[in-house]
Amino acid sequence: MINQHQIQSGVKVLVGPPGSFAWLRVQGPLTHEKLGGLTPVKGGVDAEGHPVYSARGFCGASDQRVVGGQVKLGSEGTVFNYNILVYKSPLYHFHNASGEYSTKNIWSAVKFGSINSSIISISPTAVEPPSIALAFTEIDMQHNSSDNHNVRAKAYVDSITTRDFRVHIDTWSSTILYNGGVSWLKIATGDPDFRSGVFKCTSETSAWIDFDWRFNYQPAVFVGISAFDIGAARVNSWQLKVYASDITPTGFCMNIDQPGGANQFAGCSVTWVAYAMNKPGVAGGTFGGNELTSSKYTGRTYFPRWFKNPPAVFLGISAFDIPKDNNIRLVVEKWVQGKEYMDWEIRTYAGSKLQAVRVNYLALDLNPYTAEELRGLR
């Protein structure tokens, strides 16, 4: 049982068994719907006798402080994003999920500037519209080496509701995109241990990205390419590399490189997901290689932490170096083999070649060990 004990100067201290309460992320005014059936921890009453609930918010880049406070139903704090303290129960489950979408077009029917989309259902229905992250895992694109046309593709989501969302894989102008594929990750709005976004640029750059929250511990950051527009004139291959560096609890540096110095770089978009490294049931990493000489590469990656169940795995291409002599054909697939590892494959086909490919992954156990269960395993 949890109790609030009032001590000196009217301060209240919440005491109880470990794991009896937790933080719930909220955006905007607090409502019963956003609580999803959870009970918030009462912190007192306001001047009119209405209950107020314990909350905390991040002040932002100026002073980078997490401050405590109180909020009542129908209102919000001094920041748009904040955490509400709730009593832990079986309802405290965020139903994060991952999946794939591929276009499956008949190549002979595809025209210049093709657009593709599909509606993906959310099950169970979300309490609030979730965040959706996605990144490329498949590209099949025409190129004529005698011209200087850019290679272009973009993947994005819109029309996000509590029941479904729409995934797009498009190209434009003179580019022919025969097929494309993405991996997607659904992040529950209430999960306090994830932040995500999309960084867009029109040139090589290194740029600082601030989180809208300060992590309690050192986070890790997944990055994956979700759009690109690259010319290959005067160079022998299309090249792009994205990575995160200088990661802190409040932000990180996003880096966009073209290692070979290709000209006519019109830009790219990069999906990023920051997550608490100490969160049970979450782990990330990378696979792939440089100086590739074969049309197919396979490997096995062991997950760097214990999972209670076979995890869902979100993938994203983070670097490629593809000769421009033939069409761009790149496919990344994975097969989760139980709780300990996954097998993966990077391949091309029909005479196309690969020189370098790197892929990032984020693995999530959707029903992970609790902290107490993990202590028992050790």
Protein backbone atom coordinates (compact mmCIF):
# COMPACT_ATOMS: atom_id res chain seq x y z
CA MET A 1 0.00 0.00 0.00
CA ILE A 2 1.24 3.50 -0.85
CA ASN A 3 0.69 6.36 1.55
CA GLN A 4 1.46 10.04 1.48
CA HIS A 5 3.06 11.22 4.73
CA GLN A 6 3.10 14.92 5.54
CA ILE A 7 6.30 16.11 7.22
CA GLN A 8 7.98 19.44 7.96
CA SER A 9 6.77 22.59 6.19
CA GLY A 10 3.77 20.83 4.64
CA VAL A 11 5.88 18.65 2.33
CA LYS A 12 4.38 15.25 1.50
CA VAL A 13 6.49 12.14 0.96
CA LEU A 14 5.15 9.20 -1.02
CA VAL A 15 6.22 5.83 0.39
CA GLY A 16 5.41 2.26 -0.57
CA PRO A 17 6.77 -0.97 -2.08
CA PRO A 18 9.20 -0.62 -5.04
CA GLY A 19 7.44 -0.61 -8.38
CA SER A 20 4.09 0.50 -6.91
CA PHE A 21 3.95 3.68 -8.98
CA ALA A 22 5.39 4.95 -12.25
CA TRP A 23 5.47 7.94 -14.59
CA LEU A 24 3.04 8.42 -17.48
CA ARG A 25 3.90 10.83 -20.30
CA VAL A 26 1.17 13.38 -21.11
CA GLN A 27 0.89 16.02 -23.81
CA GLY A 28 -1.42 18.99 -23.34
CA PRO A 29 -4.30 19.18 -20.84
CA LEU A 30 -4.72 16.21 -18.49
CA THR A 31 -7.88 14.16 -19.17
CA HIS A 32 -9.32 10.85 -18.01
CA GLU A 33 -8.86 9.47 -21.54
CA LYS A 34 -5.11 10.18 -21.48
CA LEU A 35 -4.80 8.32 -18.18
CA GLY A 36 -6.06 5.15 -19.89
CA GLY A 37 -7.76 3.85 -16.76
CA LEU A 38 -4.75 4.51 -14.52
CA THR A 39 -5.15 6.34 -11.21
CA PRO A 40 -3.00 9.45 -10.76
CA VAL A 41 -1.33 10.11 -7.42
CA LYS A 42 -3.14 12.91 -5.61
CA GLY A 43 -0.86 15.67 -4.40
CA GLY A 44 -3.42 17.84 -2.64
CA VAL A 45 -6.21 20.23 -3.60
CA ASP A 46 -6.27 23.68 -5.14
CA ALA A 47 -7.88 26.82 -3.67
CA GLU A 48 -11.29 25.69 -4.95
CA GLY A 49 -10.99 22.23 -3.45
CA HIS A 50 -10.27 20.42 -6.75
CA PRO A 51 -7.73 17.59 -6.52
CA VAL A 52 -4.29 18.18 -8.03
CA TYR A 53 -1.91 15.43 -9.07
CA SER A 54 1.84 14.95 -8.83
CA ALA A 55 3.72 15.82 -12.03
CA ARG A 56 7.16 16.75 -13.31
CA GLY A 57 8.29 18.65 -16.40
CA PHE A 58 11.49 19.49 -18.25
CA CYS A 59 12.31 23.20 -18.51
CA GLY A 60 14.21 22.75 -21.78
CA ALA A 61 17.52 23.74 -23.33
CA SER A 62 17.92 27.00 -21.39
CA ASP A 63 18.51 25.50 -17.94
CA GLN A 64 17.86 21.77 -18.51
CA ARG A 65 16.07 21.22 -15.21
CA VAL A 66 13.42 18.65 -14.38
CA VAL A 67 11.04 20.31 -11.93
CA GLY A 68 8.27 18.89 -9.79
CA GLY A 69 4.78 20.32 -9.72
CA GLN A 70 1.08 19.59 -9.73
CA VAL A 71 -1.63 19.54 -12.37
CA LYS A 72 -5.38 19.04 -12.28
CA LEU A 73 -7.82 17.50 -14.75
CA GLY A 74 -8.54 19.77 -17.69
CA SER A 75 -5.33 21.74 -17.28
CA GLU A 76 -1.67 21.39 -18.20
CA GLY A 77 1.55 22.48 -16.63
CA THR A 78 3.87 25.26 -17.74
CA VAL A 79 5.28 22.86 -20.38
CA PHE A 80 3.33 21.01 -23.08
CA ASN A 81 5.00 17.63 -22.39
CA TYR A 82 5.14 16.40 -18.81
CA ASN A 83 4.90 13.21 -16.73
CA ILE A 84 2.10 12.34 -14.30
CA LEU A 85 2.76 9.99 -11.38
CA VAL A 86 0.30 7.06 -11.43
CA TYR A 87 -0.33 3.97 -9.36
CA LYS A 88 1.14 0.92 -11.07
CA SER A 89 -1.39 -1.67 -12.26
CA PRO A 90 -1.78 -4.19 -15.11
CA LEU A 91 -3.09 -1.26 -17.17
CA TYR A 92 0.41 0.30 -17.11
CA HIS A 93 1.35 -1.26 -20.44
CA PHE A 94 2.10 0.79 -23.52
CA HIS A 95 1.56 -1.71 -26.35
CA ASN A 96 4.57 -0.59 -28.39
CA ALA A 97 4.91 -2.59 -31.60
CA SER A 98 6.87 -2.86 -34.85
CA GLY A 99 6.19 -4.14 -38.35
CA GLU A 100 7.05 -3.85 -42.04
CA TYR A 101 5.50 -2.45 -45.18
CA SER A 102 6.63 -3.17 -48.76
CA THR A 103 5.04 -1.92 -51.98
CA LYS A 104 5.05 -5.16 -54.06
CA ASN A 105 4.58 -3.36 -57.38
CA ILE A 106 4.81 -5.01 -60.80
CA TRP A 107 7.94 -3.30 -62.11
CA SER A 108 6.76 -2.99 -65.71
CA ALA A 109 3.73 -0.95 -64.61
CA VAL A 110 5.65 1.65 -62.57
CA LYS A 111 5.94 5.19 -63.98
CA PHE A 112 8.04 8.27 -63.17
CA GLY A 113 7.28 9.89 -59.84
CA SER A 114 5.23 7.01 -58.44
CA ILE A 115 3.50 7.24 -55.07
CA ASN A 116 2.49 4.33 -52.82
CA SER A 117 0.62 4.11 -49.54
CA SER A 118 -1.13 1.68 -47.24
CA ILE A 119 -3.16 1.89 -44.02
CA ILE A 120 -1.71 -0.03 -41.05
CA SER A 121 -4.09 -1.01 -38.23
CA ILE A 122 -3.27 -0.45 -34.56
CA SER A 123 -4.22 -3.30 -32.23
CA PRO A 124 -5.24 -2.91 -29.51
CA THR A 125 -6.67 0.55 -30.07
CA ALA A 126 -4.36 3.18 -28.56
CA VAL A 127 -5.37 5.49 -25.71
CA GLU A 128 -3.91 8.45 -27.63
CA PRO A 129 -2.60 8.63 -31.23
CA PRO A 130 0.91 7.14 -30.98
CA SER A 131 4.21 8.28 -32.44
CA ILE A 132 5.24 6.31 -35.55
CA ALA A 133 8.89 6.00 -36.56
CA LEU A 134 9.95 4.42 -39.84
CA ALA A 135 13.09 3.87 -41.92
CA PHE A 136 14.02 2.26 -45.22
CA THR A 137 14.83 -1.46 -45.42
CA GLU A 138 14.31 -1.96 -49.17
CA ILE A 139 15.05 0.13 -52.30
CA ASP A 140 14.57 -0.93 -55.94
CA MET A 141 15.16 2.08 -58.16
CA GLN A 142 16.00 2.63 -61.82
CA HIS A 143 19.14 4.45 -62.86
CA ASN A 144 20.51 5.15 -66.32
CA SER A 145 24.28 5.68 -65.96
CA SER A 146 24.33 7.86 -69.09
CA ASP A 147 22.36 10.65 -67.42
CA ASN A 148 22.76 12.69 -64.27
CA HIS A 149 19.32 12.24 -62.78
CA ASN A 150 19.12 12.19 -59.00
CA VAL A 151 17.95 9.12 -57.12
CA ARG A 152 15.06 10.08 -54.86
CA ALA A 153 12.74 8.39 -52.39
CA LYS A 154 10.88 9.35 -49.24
CA ALA A 155 8.98 7.37 -46.62
CA TYR A 156 6.68 9.01 -44.13
CA VAL A 157 3.45 8.57 -42.15
CA ASP A 158 0.31 10.67 -41.78
CA SER A 159 -3.33 10.34 -40.72
CA ILE A 160 -2.30 8.85 -37.36
CA THR A 161 -5.30 7.97 -35.16
CA THR A 162 -5.86 5.65 -32.22
CA ARG A 163 -6.92 2.90 -34.67
CA ASP A 164 -4.55 3.15 -37.65
CA PHE A 165 -2.04 5.21 -39.63
CA ARG A 166 -1.02 5.59 -43.27
CA VAL A 167 2.48 4.75 -44.54
CA HIS A 168 3.80 6.36 -47.74
CA ILE A 169 6.75 5.42 -49.96
CA ASP A 170 7.06 7.93 -52.80
CA THR A 171 9.41 9.34 -55.38
CA TRP A 172 9.08 12.38 -57.65
CA SER A 173 10.32 14.14 -60.78
CA SER A 174 12.18 11.87 -63.25
CA THR A 175 12.94 9.06 -60.78
CA ILE A 176 11.42 5.60 -61.16
CA LEU A 177 11.02 3.74 -57.86
CA TYR A 178 9.97 0.20 -58.68
CA ASN A 179 9.54 -0.88 -55.07
CA GLY A 180 10.42 0.18 -51.56
CA GLY A 181 10.09 -1.17 -48.07
CA VAL A 182 10.22 0.22 -44.56
CA SER A 183 10.30 -0.98 -41.00
CA TRP A 184 8.00 0.91 -38.62
CA LEU A 185 7.85 1.34 -34.85
CA LYS A 186 4.73 2.38 -32.92
CA ILE A 187 5.57 4.20 -29.66
CA ALA A 188 2.75 4.78 -27.18
CA THR A 189 2.29 8.45 -26.35
CA GLY A 190 2.28 7.65 -22.63
CA ASP A 191 5.61 5.80 -22.57
CA PRO A 192 8.04 8.06 -20.67
CA ASP A 193 11.20 6.27 -21.83
CA PHE A 194 11.12 7.03 -25.58
CA ARG A 195 11.52 10.19 -27.64
CA SER A 196 11.41 10.27 -31.44
CA GLY A 197 11.47 12.64 -34.39
CA VAL A 198 12.57 13.26 -37.98
CA PHE A 199 15.55 15.44 -38.87
CA LYS A 200 15.56 17.00 -42.36
CA CYS A 201 18.49 18.65 -44.13
CA THR A 202 19.51 19.91 -47.57
CA SER A 203 23.29 19.45 -47.23
CA GLU A 204 25.92 17.56 -45.28
CA THR A 205 25.74 18.74 -41.72
CA SER A 206 26.18 18.11 -38.02
CA ALA A 207 23.30 19.55 -36.00
CA TRP A 208 22.32 19.43 -32.35
CA ILE A 209 18.89 18.01 -31.49
CA ASP A 210 17.33 18.79 -28.10
CA PHE A 211 14.98 16.30 -26.45
CA ASP A 212 11.79 17.68 -24.95
CA TRP A 213 12.66 15.76 -21.80
CA ARG A 214 15.75 14.97 -19.72
CA PHE A 215 16.46 11.25 -19.39
CA ASN A 216 17.31 10.09 -15.87
CA TYR A 217 20.16 8.01 -17.30
CA GLN A 218 22.35 8.04 -20.38
CA PRO A 219 20.07 7.25 -23.36
CA ALA A 220 20.93 5.55 -26.64
CA VAL A 221 19.77 6.83 -30.05
CA PHE A 222 18.62 4.82 -33.08
CA VAL A 223 18.91 6.56 -36.48
CA GLY A 224 17.67 5.38 -39.88
CA ILE A 225 17.29 6.95 -43.33
CA SER A 226 13.70 7.81 -44.27
CA ALA A 227 14.29 10.02 -47.34
CA PHE A 228 17.11 10.93 -49.74
CA ASP A 229 17.71 12.96 -52.90
CA ILE A 230 21.20 12.34 -54.29
CA GLY A 231 22.93 13.06 -57.59
CA ALA A 232 25.80 10.85 -58.73
CA ALA A 233 27.38 12.99 -61.46
CA ARG A 234 31.23 12.86 -61.42
CA VAL A 235 31.33 10.12 -58.77
CA ASN A 236 31.14 6.33 -59.09
CA SER A 237 28.51 5.56 -56.47
CA TRP A 238 25.64 6.88 -54.39
CA GLN A 239 26.78 7.35 -50.83
CA LEU A 240 25.07 8.43 -47.64
CA LYS A 241 25.91 7.92 -43.97
CA VAL A 242 23.91 9.09 -40.94
CA TYR A 243 24.83 8.62 -37.29
CA ALA A 244 24.33 10.02 -33.80
CA SER A 245 27.18 11.26 -31.61
CA ASP A 246 27.76 13.17 -28.36
CA ILE A 247 24.61 11.70 -26.80
CA THR A 248 23.60 13.25 -23.47
CA PRO A 249 20.46 12.99 -21.29
CA THR A 250 19.11 16.14 -22.98
CA GLY A 251 20.06 15.74 -26.66
CA PHE A 252 22.54 14.54 -29.27
CA CYS A 253 24.38 15.53 -32.43
CA MET A 254 22.91 14.31 -35.74
CA ASN A 255 25.56 13.79 -38.44
CA ILE A 256 24.86 13.58 -42.21
CA ASP A 257 27.89 12.60 -44.34
CA GLN A 258 28.59 11.77 -47.97
CA PRO A 259 31.94 10.00 -47.56
CA GLY A 260 32.89 10.18 -51.24
CA GLY A 261 31.99 13.84 -51.63
CA ALA A 262 29.23 13.27 -54.18
CA ASN A 263 27.86 16.47 -55.67
CA GLN A 264 24.22 17.44 -56.19
CA PHE A 265 23.20 16.33 -52.71
CA ALA A 266 19.71 17.78 -52.41
CA GLY A 267 18.99 16.44 -48.94
CA CYS A 268 17.70 13.63 -46.77
CA SER A 269 15.48 12.87 -43.79
CA VAL A 270 16.58 10.80 -40.81
CA THR A 271 14.27 9.15 -38.30
CA TRP A 272 15.63 9.06 -34.75
CA VAL A 273 14.46 7.27 -31.63
CA ALA A 274 16.04 7.97 -28.23
CA TYR A 275 15.42 5.38 -25.54
CA ALA A 276 16.44 4.71 -21.94
CA MET A 277 19.30 2.21 -21.99
CA ASN A 278 18.32 0.88 -18.56
CA LYS A 279 14.70 0.14 -19.55
CA PRO A 280 13.93 -3.61 -19.23
CA GLY A 281 13.16 -5.28 -22.55
CA VAL A 282 14.87 -2.75 -24.85
CA ALA A 283 18.21 -3.10 -26.66
CA GLY A 284 19.80 -1.69 -29.80
CA GLY A 285 22.80 -2.16 -32.05
CA THR A 286 24.05 -2.28 -35.62
CA PHE A 287 25.12 -4.77 -38.30
CA GLY A 288 26.43 -4.74 -41.89
CA GLY A 289 29.84 -4.11 -43.40
CA ASN A 290 32.21 -2.21 -45.66
CA GLU A 291 34.13 -3.38 -48.73
CA LEU A 292 31.36 -5.76 -49.71
CA THR A 293 32.09 -7.99 -52.71
CA SER A 294 29.16 -10.41 -52.84
CA SER A 295 25.50 -10.02 -53.75
CA LYS A 296 24.34 -11.43 -50.39
CA TYR A 297 25.59 -11.11 -46.82
CA THR A 298 24.23 -12.98 -43.84
CA GLY A 299 24.94 -12.82 -40.15
CA ARG A 300 23.74 -13.51 -36.64
CA THR A 301 23.40 -10.80 -33.98
CA TYR A 302 23.06 -11.70 -30.30
CA PHE A 303 20.98 -9.27 -28.30
CA PRO A 304 23.02 -7.46 -25.64
CA ARG A 305 20.51 -8.04 -22.83
CA TRP A 306 18.05 -10.65 -21.54
CA PHE A 307 14.59 -10.80 -23.04
CA LYS A 308 11.63 -12.58 -21.50
CA ASN A 309 10.05 -13.17 -24.91
CA PRO A 310 11.23 -13.04 -28.54
CA PRO A 311 11.42 -9.29 -29.21
CA ALA A 312 9.91 -7.18 -31.96
CA VAL A 313 12.73 -5.62 -34.00
CA PHE A 314 12.72 -2.23 -35.73
CA LEU A 315 15.32 -1.83 -38.51
CA GLY A 316 16.69 1.09 -40.49
CA ILE A 317 19.43 1.53 -43.10
CA SER A 318 21.91 4.09 -41.74
CA ALA A 319 24.58 4.02 -44.46
CA PHE A 320 24.99 2.84 -48.05
CA ASP A 321 27.58 2.99 -50.81
CA ILE A 322 26.09 1.63 -54.05
CA PRO A 323 27.86 1.70 -57.47
CA LYS A 324 25.91 3.66 -60.05
CA ASP A 325 26.57 1.27 -62.96
CA ASN A 326 23.26 -0.55 -62.42
CA ASN A 327 19.92 0.03 -60.73
CA ILE A 328 19.84 0.52 -56.96
CA ARG A 329 18.65 -2.77 -55.51
CA LEU A 330 19.00 -3.24 -51.76
CA VAL A 331 17.00 -5.47 -49.41
CA VAL A 332 17.49 -5.95 -45.66
CA GLU A 333 15.63 -8.71 -43.83
CA LYS A 334 15.76 -10.21 -40.33
CA TRP A 335 14.48 -13.33 -38.61
CA VAL A 336 14.17 -13.29 -34.81
CA GLN A 337 15.27 -16.70 -33.54
CA GLY A 338 13.90 -16.85 -30.01
CA LYS A 339 14.92 -14.62 -27.11
CA GLU A 340 18.68 -14.51 -27.64
CA TYR A 341 19.49 -13.57 -31.23
CA MET A 342 18.32 -12.75 -34.74
CA ASP A 343 19.62 -13.76 -38.15
CA TRP A 344 19.81 -11.13 -40.87
CA GLU A 345 20.49 -10.78 -44.58
CA ILE A 346 21.61 -7.87 -46.76
CA ARG A 347 21.32 -8.57 -50.49
CA THR A 348 21.14 -7.18 -53.99
CA TYR A 349 20.22 -8.94 -57.24
CA ALA A 350 19.97 -8.76 -61.05
CA GLY A 351 23.55 -7.56 -61.54
CA SER A 352 23.48 -4.68 -59.05
CA LYS A 353 26.32 -4.31 -56.55
CA LEU A 354 26.88 -3.13 -53.00
CA GLN A 355 30.06 -1.60 -51.60
CA ALA A 356 28.93 -0.81 -48.04
CA VAL A 357 25.71 -1.06 -46.03
CA ARG A 358 25.07 -0.42 -42.33
CA VAL A 359 21.78 -1.17 -40.56
CA ASN A 360 20.68 -0.12 -37.08
CA TYR A 361 18.20 -2.10 -35.03
CA LEU A 362 16.06 -1.55 -31.94
CA ALA A 363 14.68 -4.67 -30.24
CA LEU A 364 11.69 -4.48 -27.85
CA ASP A 365 10.23 -7.18 -25.64
CA LEU A 366 6.55 -6.28 -25.64
CA ASN A 367 5.97 -7.99 -22.28
CA PRO A 368 9.37 -7.62 -20.59
CA TYR A 369 10.76 -8.74 -17.27
CA THR A 370 10.00 -6.43 -14.39
CA ALA A 371 12.92 -5.01 -12.43
CA GLU A 372 12.09 -7.44 -9.63
CA GLU A 373 12.15 -10.44 -12.01
CA LEU A 374 15.50 -9.36 -13.41
CA ARG A 375 16.99 -9.14 -9.93
CA GLY A 376 15.80 -12.70 -9.31
CA LEU A 377 17.51 -13.94 -12.48
CA ARG A 378 20.82 -12.53 -11.32
